[in-house]
Amino acid sequence: MDDALQVSGSLWLHRGNSSLGGQARIALLEQIAAHGSITAAAKAAGMSYKAAWDAVDAMNQLAGEPLVARSTGGRGGGGTRLTARGAKLVAAFRAVEVAQRQFLARVANDLEHFDEQWPVIARLGLQTSARNQLHGNITDIRRCGVNDEVTLTLPGGEAITASLTHHSTQTLGLAVGGDAFALIKAPWIEIARGADLAGLPTANRLSGTVDAITDDAGQAEVILALPGGSRLAAVMPHDTLSARGLTVGVSATAAFAAVSVIVGVMA
């Protein structure tokens, strides 16, 4: 068996800070074009009916215009078809995919000592388990003894304050005007309303609208949509969810401490 290391990559389409889709979503669009039915397309793509419609709705919203048109009452769950824009997107993705493969093939042929370089390349692809990964611009750094308070402004204008050691600030090369990521684990965020905010962290208070709730096995995940387009996920016990009156559509505030924010930069 050939165990030589090879160069490969995944292709994704983005609009702003949101992901329009990659291989799986493009494959779903192709199946919709082939079958004319979301039910058949979902099955062929290895997705549930709900997951397929969620993906279609997300793509339609992010693209700024419909990629898929649907009609109710059709055979097999209603008729679906790609719009002209959707068909062009699929064709463009496949064309770029071919160019990407050709490029990576050239890289693999030209890259010397690939085995020696692989450990470094692998570290560059590090992923985190933090549910909330927000990109922003550093707009302020304030020295507070051995720590620094770093303010990260999100694309929508919301500000997040992180507390980290001055040594970490220097090691990461943080500076006003630079870009960074705020990583926040979902259990570290509290979402509440009105009087229920009393006693919760005050360093970071971001207001928005409850966009989705997943309640399962005594635990609930609450998604808060911020006015600027960013979303925060928090996890709390079911009893807390009920006591705080959190339901989809209500206004609420996310509260979390500055020390709960992990700051990262691209290597």
C-alpha atoms as a PDB file:
ATOM      1  CA  MET A   1       0.000   0.000   0.000  1.00  0.00           C
ATOM      2  CA  ASP A   2       1.285   3.468  -0.899  1.00  0.00           C
ATOM      3  CA  ASP A   3       1.525   5.434   2.365  1.00  0.00           C
ATOM      4  CA  ALA A   4       3.222   8.494   0.880  1.00  0.00           C
ATOM      5  CA  LEU A   5       1.822  11.814   2.072  1.00  0.00           C
ATOM      6  CA  GLN A   6      -0.248  13.700  -0.460  1.00  0.00           C
ATOM      7  CA  VAL A   7      -1.562  17.248  -0.735  1.00  0.00           C
ATOM      8  CA  SER A   8      -5.346  17.657  -0.643  1.00  0.00           C
ATOM      9  CA  GLY A   9      -7.831  20.373   0.176  1.00  0.00           C
ATOM     10  CA  SER A  10     -11.527  21.127   0.604  1.00  0.00           C
ATOM     11  CA  LEU A  11     -13.274  23.795  -1.419  1.00  0.00           C
ATOM     12  CA  TRP A  12     -15.826  26.089   0.257  1.00  0.00           C
ATOM     13  CA  LEU A  13     -17.817  29.058  -0.973  1.00  0.00           C
ATOM     14  CA  HIS A  14     -18.165  32.017   1.395  1.00  0.00           C
ATOM     15  CA  ARG A  15     -20.212  35.188   1.422  1.00  0.00           C
ATOM     16  CA  GLY A  16     -18.787  37.623   3.963  1.00  0.00           C
ATOM     17  CA  ASN A  17     -18.166  35.672   7.169  1.00  0.00           C
ATOM     18  CA  SER A  18     -20.777  33.025   6.369  1.00  0.00           C
ATOM     19  CA  SER A  19     -20.194  29.745   4.556  1.00  0.00           C
ATOM     20  CA  LEU A  20     -22.436  29.266   1.531  1.00  0.00           C
ATOM     21  CA  GLY A  21     -21.434  25.655   1.175  1.00  0.00           C
ATOM     22  CA  GLY A  22     -18.920  23.058   0.141  1.00  0.00           C
ATOM     23  CA  GLN A  23     -18.916  19.647  -1.517  1.00  0.00           C
ATOM     24  CA  ALA A  24     -21.966  18.324   0.371  1.00  0.00           C
ATOM     25  CA  ARG A  25     -24.236  21.274  -0.413  1.00  0.00           C
ATOM     26  CA  ILE A  26     -23.171  21.461  -4.047  1.00  0.00           C
ATOM     27  CA  ALA A  27     -23.839  17.723  -4.355  1.00  0.00           C
ATOM     28  CA  LEU A  28     -27.312  18.326  -2.915  1.00  0.00           C
ATOM     29  CA  LEU A  29     -27.972  20.998  -5.553  1.00  0.00           C
ATOM     30  CA  GLU A  30     -26.873  18.556  -8.249  1.00  0.00           C
ATOM     31  CA  GLN A  31     -29.243  15.896  -6.920  1.00  0.00           C
ATOM     32  CA  ILE A  32     -32.111  18.404  -6.872  1.00  0.00           C
ATOM     33  CA  ALA A  33     -31.397  19.196 -10.526  1.00  0.00           C
ATOM     34  CA  ALA A  34     -31.309  15.483 -11.347  1.00  0.00           C
ATOM     35  CA  HIS A  35     -34.405  14.346  -9.426  1.00  0.00           C
ATOM     36  CA  GLY A  36     -36.671  17.402  -9.238  1.00  0.00           C
ATOM     37  CA  SER A  37     -37.681  16.277  -5.751  1.00  0.00           C
ATOM     38  CA  ILE A  38     -36.222  17.301  -2.410  1.00  0.00           C
ATOM     39  CA  THR A  39     -37.117  13.895  -0.960  1.00  0.00           C
ATOM     40  CA  ALA A  40     -35.260  11.982  -3.667  1.00  0.00           C
ATOM     41  CA  ALA A  41     -32.390  14.468  -3.679  1.00  0.00           C
ATOM     42  CA  ALA A  42     -31.953  14.216   0.091  1.00  0.00           C
ATOM     43  CA  LYS A  43     -31.894  10.417  -0.072  1.00  0.00           C
ATOM     44  CA  ALA A  44     -29.366  10.412  -2.911  1.00  0.00           C
ATOM     45  CA  ALA A  45     -27.165  12.889  -1.034  1.00  0.00           C
ATOM     46  CA  GLY A  46     -27.345  10.874   2.198  1.00  0.00           C
ATOM     47  CA  MET A  47     -29.237  13.565   4.117  1.00  0.00           C
ATOM     48  CA  SER A  48     -32.514  13.706   5.988  1.00  0.00           C
ATOM     49  CA  TYR A  49     -35.421  15.603   4.429  1.00  0.00           C
ATOM     50  CA  LYS A  50     -35.208  18.288   7.138  1.00  0.00           C
ATOM     51  CA  ALA A  51     -31.433  18.645   6.816  1.00  0.00           C
ATOM     52  CA  ALA A  52     -31.791  19.054   3.066  1.00  0.00           C
ATOM     53  CA  TRP A  53     -34.380  21.822   3.397  1.00  0.00           C
ATOM     54  CA  ASP A  54     -32.329  23.525   6.111  1.00  0.00           C
ATOM     55  CA  ALA A  55     -29.343  23.504   3.756  1.00  0.00           C
ATOM     56  CA  VAL A  56     -31.434  24.846   0.868  1.00  0.00           C
ATOM     57  CA  ASP A  57     -32.917  27.627   3.009  1.00  0.00           C
ATOM     58  CA  ALA A  58     -29.457  28.598   4.268  1.00  0.00           C
ATOM     59  CA  MET A  59     -28.026  28.717   0.745  1.00  0.00           C
ATOM     60  CA  ASN A  60     -30.968  30.738  -0.569  1.00  0.00           C
ATOM     61  CA  GLN A  61     -30.515  33.301   2.207  1.00  0.00           C
ATOM     62  CA  LEU A  62     -26.729  33.560   1.951  1.00  0.00           C
ATOM     63  CA  ALA A  63     -26.727  33.779  -1.846  1.00  0.00           C
ATOM     64  CA  GLY A  64     -29.007  36.816  -1.725  1.00  0.00           C
ATOM     65  CA  GLU A  65     -31.349  35.216  -4.255  1.00  0.00           C
ATOM     66  CA  PRO A  66     -33.005  31.798  -4.614  1.00  0.00           C
ATOM     67  CA  LEU A  67     -30.792  28.962  -5.807  1.00  0.00           C
ATOM     68  CA  VAL A  68     -33.651  26.479  -5.482  1.00  0.00           C
ATOM     69  CA  ALA A  69     -37.320  27.080  -6.259  1.00  0.00           C
ATOM     70  CA  ARG A  70     -40.006  24.854  -4.794  1.00  0.00           C
ATOM     71  CA  SER A  71     -43.706  24.187  -5.308  1.00  0.00           C
ATOM     72  CA  THR A  72     -45.952  22.519  -2.743  1.00  0.00           C
ATOM     73  CA  GLY A  73     -48.098  19.488  -3.372  1.00  0.00           C
ATOM     74  CA  GLY A  74     -45.805  17.883  -5.878  1.00  0.00           C
ATOM     75  CA  ARG A  75     -45.107  14.201  -6.074  1.00  0.00           C
ATOM     76  CA  GLY A  76     -42.596  12.916  -3.518  1.00  0.00           C
ATOM     77  CA  GLY A  77     -42.742  15.859  -1.146  1.00  0.00           C
ATOM     78  CA  GLY A  78     -43.213  18.688  -3.624  1.00  0.00           C
ATOM     79  CA  GLY A  79     -41.370  19.673  -6.778  1.00  0.00           C
ATOM     80  CA  THR A  80     -38.015  21.417  -6.582  1.00  0.00           C
ATOM     81  CA  ARG A  81     -35.725  22.781  -9.253  1.00  0.00           C
ATOM     82  CA  LEU A  82     -32.548  24.794  -9.531  1.00  0.00           C
ATOM     83  CA  THR A  83     -32.902  28.380 -10.617  1.00  0.00           C
ATOM     84  CA  ALA A  84     -30.606  29.716 -13.324  1.00  0.00           C
ATOM     85  CA  ARG A  85     -28.464  31.214 -10.559  1.00  0.00           C
ATOM     86  CA  GLY A  86     -28.281  27.867  -8.789  1.00  0.00           C
ATOM     87  CA  ALA A  87     -27.197  26.060 -11.951  1.00  0.00           C
ATOM     88  CA  LYS A  88     -24.480  28.649 -12.592  1.00  0.00           C
ATOM     89  CA  LEU A  89     -23.223  28.288  -9.016  1.00  0.00           C
ATOM     90  CA  VAL A  90     -22.895  24.503  -9.370  1.00  0.00           C
ATOM     91  CA  ALA A  91     -21.049  24.876 -12.677  1.00  0.00           C
ATOM     92  CA  ALA A  92     -18.709  27.497 -11.213  1.00  0.00           C
ATOM     93  CA  PHE A  93     -17.962  25.332  -8.162  1.00  0.00           C
ATOM     94  CA  ARG A  94     -17.077  22.323 -10.299  1.00  0.00           C
ATOM     95  CA  ALA A  95     -14.855  24.439 -12.561  1.00  0.00           C
ATOM     96  CA  VAL A  96     -12.971  25.860  -9.571  1.00  0.00           C
ATOM     97  CA  GLU A  97     -12.738  22.355  -8.102  1.00  0.00           C
ATOM     98  CA  VAL A  98     -10.946  21.118 -11.236  1.00  0.00           C
ATOM     99  CA  ALA A  99      -8.532  24.057 -11.079  1.00  0.00           C
ATOM    100  CA  GLN A 100      -7.921  23.358  -7.386  1.00  0.00           C
ATOM    101  CA  ARG A 101      -7.040  19.715  -8.066  1.00  0.00           C
ATOM    102  CA  GLN A 102      -4.621  20.744 -10.795  1.00  0.00           C
ATOM    103  CA  PHE A 103      -2.979  23.294  -8.501  1.00  0.00           C
ATOM    104  CA  LEU A 104      -2.609  20.824  -5.627  1.00  0.00           C
ATOM    105  CA  ALA A 105      -1.129  18.253  -7.994  1.00  0.00           C
ATOM    106  CA  ARG A 106       1.531  20.767  -9.030  1.00  0.00           C
ATOM    107  CA  VAL A 107       2.227  21.627  -5.384  1.00  0.00           C
ATOM    108  CA  ALA A 108       2.669  17.959  -4.501  1.00  0.00           C
ATOM    109  CA  ASN A 109       5.110  17.496  -7.374  1.00  0.00           C
ATOM    110  CA  ASP A 110       7.132  20.610  -6.610  1.00  0.00           C
ATOM    111  CA  LEU A 111       7.192  20.542  -2.809  1.00  0.00           C
ATOM    112  CA  GLU A 112      10.557  19.274  -1.590  1.00  0.00           C
ATOM    113  CA  HIS A 113      10.938  17.259   1.614  1.00  0.00           C
ATOM    114  CA  PHE A 114       7.156  17.070   2.061  1.00  0.00           C
ATOM    115  CA  ASP A 115       7.479  14.522   4.875  1.00  0.00           C
ATOM    116  CA  GLU A 116       9.621  16.959   6.857  1.00  0.00           C
ATOM    117  CA  GLN A 117       7.226  19.858   6.336  1.00  0.00           C
ATOM    118  CA  TRP A 118       4.047  17.923   7.112  1.00  0.00           C
ATOM    119  CA  PRO A 119       4.054  18.398  10.942  1.00  0.00           C
ATOM    120  CA  VAL A 120       4.182  22.177  10.488  1.00  0.00           C
ATOM    121  CA  ILE A 121       1.432  22.153   7.863  1.00  0.00           C
ATOM    122  CA  ALA A 122      -0.757  19.983  10.108  1.00  0.00           C
ATOM    123  CA  ARG A 123      -0.511  22.484  12.968  1.00  0.00           C
ATOM    124  CA  LEU A 124      -1.757  25.234  10.655  1.00  0.00           C
ATOM    125  CA  GLY A 125      -4.981  23.258  10.200  1.00  0.00           C
ATOM    126  CA  LEU A 126      -5.718  23.086  13.931  1.00  0.00           C
ATOM    127  CA  GLN A 127      -9.426  23.195  14.808  1.00  0.00           C
ATOM    128  CA  THR A 128     -10.998  23.953  18.192  1.00  0.00           C
ATOM    129  CA  SER A 129     -13.951  22.536  20.099  1.00  0.00           C
ATOM    130  CA  ALA A 130     -15.238  25.991  21.069  1.00  0.00           C
ATOM    131  CA  ARG A 131     -18.850  26.339  19.847  1.00  0.00           C
ATOM    132  CA  ASN A 132     -18.441  30.082  19.337  1.00  0.00           C
ATOM    133  CA  GLN A 133     -15.646  31.204  17.020  1.00  0.00           C
ATOM    134  CA  LEU A 134     -15.996  34.875  16.130  1.00  0.00           C
ATOM    135  CA  HIS A 135     -13.702  36.874  13.871  1.00  0.00           C
ATOM    136  CA  GLY A 136     -13.151  40.557  14.517  1.00  0.00           C
ATOM    137  CA  ASN A 137     -10.788  43.513  14.569  1.00  0.00           C
ATOM    138  CA  ILE A 138      -8.765  44.572  17.624  1.00  0.00           C
ATOM    139  CA  THR A 139      -9.907  48.088  18.499  1.00  0.00           C
ATOM    140  CA  ASP A 140      -8.377  48.543  21.970  1.00  0.00           C
ATOM    141  CA  ILE A 141      -5.762  47.018  24.283  1.00  0.00           C
ATOM    142  CA  ARG A 142      -5.699  48.239  27.882  1.00  0.00           C
ATOM    143  CA  ARG A 143      -3.008  47.250  30.395  1.00  0.00           C
ATOM    144  CA  CYS A 144      -4.368  46.088  33.766  1.00  0.00           C
ATOM    145  CA  GLY A 145      -1.424  44.978  35.900  1.00  0.00           C
ATOM    146  CA  VAL A 146      -0.087  41.675  34.592  1.00  0.00           C
ATOM    147  CA  ASN A 147      -3.149  41.302  32.371  1.00  0.00           C
ATOM    148  CA  ASP A 148      -4.438  43.084  29.302  1.00  0.00           C
ATOM    149  CA  GLU A 149      -8.035  43.767  28.359  1.00  0.00           C
ATOM    150  CA  VAL A 150      -8.358  43.311  24.619  1.00  0.00           C
ATOM    151  CA  THR A 151     -11.418  44.634  22.797  1.00  0.00           C
ATOM    152  CA  LEU A 152     -12.420  42.796  19.646  1.00  0.00           C
ATOM    153  CA  THR A 153     -15.048  44.447  17.438  1.00  0.00           C
ATOM    154  CA  LEU A 154     -17.144  42.090  15.328  1.00  0.00           C
ATOM    155  CA  PRO A 155     -18.142  42.873  11.716  1.00  0.00           C
ATOM    156  CA  GLY A 156     -21.605  43.909  12.922  1.00  0.00           C
ATOM    157  CA  GLY A 157     -20.182  46.442  15.397  1.00  0.00           C
ATOM    158  CA  GLU A 158     -20.594  44.448  18.625  1.00  0.00           C
ATOM    159  CA  ALA A 159     -17.579  44.537  20.959  1.00  0.00           C
ATOM    160  CA  ILE A 160     -16.152  41.631  22.960  1.00  0.00           C
ATOM    161  CA  THR A 161     -13.694  42.121  25.823  1.00  0.00           C
ATOM    162  CA  ALA A 162     -11.121  39.437  26.577  1.00  0.00           C
ATOM    163  CA  SER A 163      -8.771  39.277  29.549  1.00  0.00           C
ATOM    164  CA  LEU A 164      -5.389  37.664  28.988  1.00  0.00           C
ATOM    165  CA  THR A 165      -1.873  38.042  30.335  1.00  0.00           C
ATOM    166  CA  HIS A 166       0.347  40.739  28.906  1.00  0.00           C
ATOM    167  CA  HIS A 167       2.773  37.969  27.976  1.00  0.00           C
ATOM    168  CA  SER A 168       0.057  36.313  25.861  1.00  0.00           C
ATOM    169  CA  THR A 169      -0.681  39.621  24.144  1.00  0.00           C
ATOM    170  CA  GLN A 170       2.958  39.922  23.164  1.00  0.00           C
ATOM    171  CA  THR A 171       3.326  36.264  22.181  1.00  0.00           C
ATOM    172  CA  LEU A 172       0.298  36.460  19.871  1.00  0.00           C
ATOM    173  CA  GLY A 173       1.489  39.769  18.446  1.00  0.00           C
ATOM    174  CA  LEU A 174      -1.826  41.458  19.236  1.00  0.00           C
ATOM    175  CA  ALA A 175      -2.051  45.102  18.209  1.00  0.00           C
ATOM    176  CA  VAL A 176      -4.804  47.618  17.594  1.00  0.00           C
ATOM    177  CA  GLY A 177      -5.931  47.304  13.992  1.00  0.00           C
ATOM    178  CA  GLY A 178      -5.053  43.632  13.716  1.00  0.00           C
ATOM    179  CA  ASP A 179      -7.468  40.749  13.222  1.00  0.00           C
ATOM    180  CA  ALA A 180      -8.122  38.021  15.781  1.00  0.00           C
ATOM    181  CA  PHE A 181     -10.604  35.339  16.776  1.00  0.00           C
ATOM    182  CA  ALA A 182     -12.656  35.153  19.963  1.00  0.00           C
ATOM    183  CA  LEU A 183     -13.291  31.562  21.072  1.00  0.00           C
ATOM    184  CA  ILE A 184     -15.989  31.010  23.699  1.00  0.00           C
ATOM    185  CA  LYS A 185     -17.303  27.630  24.788  1.00  0.00           C
ATOM    186  CA  ALA A 186     -21.102  27.454  24.914  1.00  0.00           C
ATOM    187  CA  PRO A 187     -21.318  26.549  28.660  1.00  0.00           C
ATOM    188  CA  TRP A 188     -19.413  29.743  29.495  1.00  0.00           C
ATOM    189  CA  ILE A 189     -22.193  31.961  28.103  1.00  0.00           C
ATOM    190  CA  GLU A 190     -25.369  32.854  29.993  1.00  0.00           C
ATOM    191  CA  ILE A 191     -28.454  34.045  28.118  1.00  0.00           C
ATOM    192  CA  ALA A 192     -31.137  35.798  30.127  1.00  0.00           C
ATOM    193  CA  ARG A 193     -33.680  38.629  30.143  1.00  0.00           C
ATOM    194  CA  GLY A 194     -34.491  41.521  32.439  1.00  0.00           C
ATOM    195  CA  ALA A 195     -34.132  40.792  36.144  1.00  0.00           C
ATOM    196  CA  ASP A 196     -32.570  37.388  35.429  1.00  0.00           C
ATOM    197  CA  LEU A 197     -29.409  39.193  34.306  1.00  0.00           C
ATOM    198  CA  ALA A 198     -28.715  40.249  37.901  1.00  0.00           C
ATOM    199  CA  GLY A 199     -25.592  38.574  39.196  1.00  0.00           C
ATOM    200  CA  LEU A 200     -24.394  37.468  35.759  1.00  0.00           C
ATOM    201  CA  PRO A 201     -21.054  38.648  34.292  1.00  0.00           C
ATOM    202  CA  THR A 202     -21.005  42.272  33.165  1.00  0.00           C
ATOM    203  CA  ALA A 203     -17.773  42.437  31.148  1.00  0.00           C
ATOM    204  CA  ASN A 204     -19.581  41.248  28.038  1.00  0.00           C
ATOM    205  CA  ARG A 205     -23.279  41.905  27.488  1.00  0.00           C
ATOM    206  CA  LEU A 206     -24.522  41.385  23.929  1.00  0.00           C
ATOM    207  CA  SER A 207     -28.217  41.797  23.181  1.00  0.00           C
ATOM    208  CA  GLY A 208     -30.085  40.059  20.403  1.00  0.00           C
ATOM    209  CA  THR A 209     -32.994  37.784  19.585  1.00  0.00           C
ATOM    210  CA  VAL A 210     -33.362  34.104  20.446  1.00  0.00           C
ATOM    211  CA  ASP A 211     -33.149  32.469  17.024  1.00  0.00           C
ATOM    212  CA  ALA A 212     -33.276  28.761  17.849  1.00  0.00           C
ATOM    213  CA  ILE A 213     -33.543  26.379  20.794  1.00  0.00           C
ATOM    214  CA  THR A 214     -32.593  22.708  20.893  1.00  0.00           C
ATOM    215  CA  ASP A 215     -33.916  21.091  24.075  1.00  0.00           C
ATOM    216  CA  ASP A 216     -32.825  17.516  24.699  1.00  0.00           C
ATOM    217  CA  ALA A 217     -32.056  15.240  27.662  1.00  0.00           C
ATOM    218  CA  GLY A 218     -32.401  17.959  30.254  1.00  0.00           C
ATOM    219  CA  GLN A 219     -29.996  20.308  28.466  1.00  0.00           C
ATOM    220  CA  ALA A 220     -30.838  23.115  26.059  1.00  0.00           C
ATOM    221  CA  GLU A 221     -28.766  24.890  23.435  1.00  0.00           C
ATOM    222  CA  VAL A 222     -29.911  28.454  22.818  1.00  0.00           C
ATOM    223  CA  ILE A 223     -28.828  30.414  19.734  1.00  0.00           C
ATOM    224  CA  LEU A 224     -28.851  34.205  20.087  1.00  0.00           C
ATOM    225  CA  ALA A 225     -28.789  36.196  16.839  1.00  0.00           C
ATOM    226  CA  LEU A 226     -27.047  39.552  17.216  1.00  0.00           C
ATOM    227  CA  PRO A 227     -28.185  42.596  15.197  1.00  0.00           C
ATOM    228  CA  GLY A 228     -24.946  42.642  13.209  1.00  0.00           C
ATOM    229  CA  GLY A 229     -25.383  39.090  11.944  1.00  0.00           C
ATOM    230  CA  SER A 230     -23.187  37.130  14.371  1.00  0.00           C
ATOM    231  CA  ARG A 231     -24.677  34.285  16.418  1.00  0.00           C
ATOM    232  CA  LEU A 232     -23.844  33.041  19.903  1.00  0.00           C
ATOM    233  CA  ALA A 233     -24.603  29.572  21.253  1.00  0.00           C
ATOM    234  CA  ALA A 234     -25.138  28.909  24.955  1.00  0.00           C
ATOM    235  CA  VAL A 235     -25.897  25.692  26.827  1.00  0.00           C
ATOM    236  CA  MET A 236     -28.021  25.594  29.968  1.00  0.00           C
ATOM    237  CA  PRO A 237     -30.189  23.175  31.973  1.00  0.00           C
ATOM    238  CA  HIS A 238     -33.787  22.810  30.800  1.00  0.00           C
ATOM    239  CA  ASP A 239     -35.041  24.186  34.132  1.00  0.00           C
ATOM    240  CA  THR A 240     -32.999  27.356  33.632  1.00  0.00           C
ATOM    241  CA  LEU A 241     -34.381  27.759  30.120  1.00  0.00           C
ATOM    242  CA  SER A 242     -37.944  27.562  31.427  1.00  0.00           C
ATOM    243  CA  ALA A 243     -37.323  29.784  34.445  1.00  0.00           C
ATOM    244  CA  ARG A 244     -35.848  32.526  32.279  1.00  0.00           C
ATOM    245  CA  GLY A 245     -38.739  32.440  29.822  1.00  0.00           C
ATOM    246  CA  LEU A 246     -36.507  31.946  26.820  1.00  0.00           C
ATOM    247  CA  THR A 247     -38.425  31.123  23.653  1.00  0.00           C
ATOM    248  CA  VAL A 248     -37.703  31.643  19.975  1.00  0.00           C
ATOM    249  CA  GLY A 249     -38.303  35.251  18.961  1.00  0.00           C
ATOM    250  CA  VAL A 250     -37.862  36.957  22.335  1.00  0.00           C
ATOM    251  CA  SER A 251     -35.204  39.570  23.001  1.00  0.00           C
ATOM    252  CA  ALA A 252     -32.435  38.443  25.333  1.00  0.00           C
ATOM    253  CA  THR A 253     -28.872  39.216  26.365  1.00  0.00           C
ATOM    254  CA  ALA A 254     -25.762  37.046  26.344  1.00  0.00           C
ATOM    255  CA  ALA A 255     -23.496  37.575  29.344  1.00  0.00           C
ATOM    256  CA  PHE A 256     -20.011  36.165  29.799  1.00  0.00           C
ATOM    257  CA  ALA A 257     -16.812  37.050  31.618  1.00  0.00           C
ATOM    258  CA  ALA A 258     -13.749  38.519  29.933  1.00  0.00           C
ATOM    259  CA  VAL A 259     -11.659  35.583  31.201  1.00  0.00           C
ATOM    260  CA  SER A 260     -14.011  33.214  29.353  1.00  0.00           C
ATOM    261  CA  VAL A 261     -12.859  34.574  25.995  1.00  0.00           C
ATOM    262  CA  ILE A 262      -9.902  32.828  24.381  1.00  0.00           C
ATOM    263  CA  VAL A 263      -8.130  34.981  21.804  1.00  0.00           C
ATOM    264  CA  GLY A 264      -6.490  33.417  18.771  1.00  0.00           C
ATOM    265  CA  VAL A 265      -4.774  34.618  15.624  1.00  0.00           C
ATOM    266  CA  MET A 266      -3.895  33.020  12.318  1.00  0.00           C
ATOM    267  CA  ALA A 267      -0.377  31.570  12.433  1.00  0.00           C
END
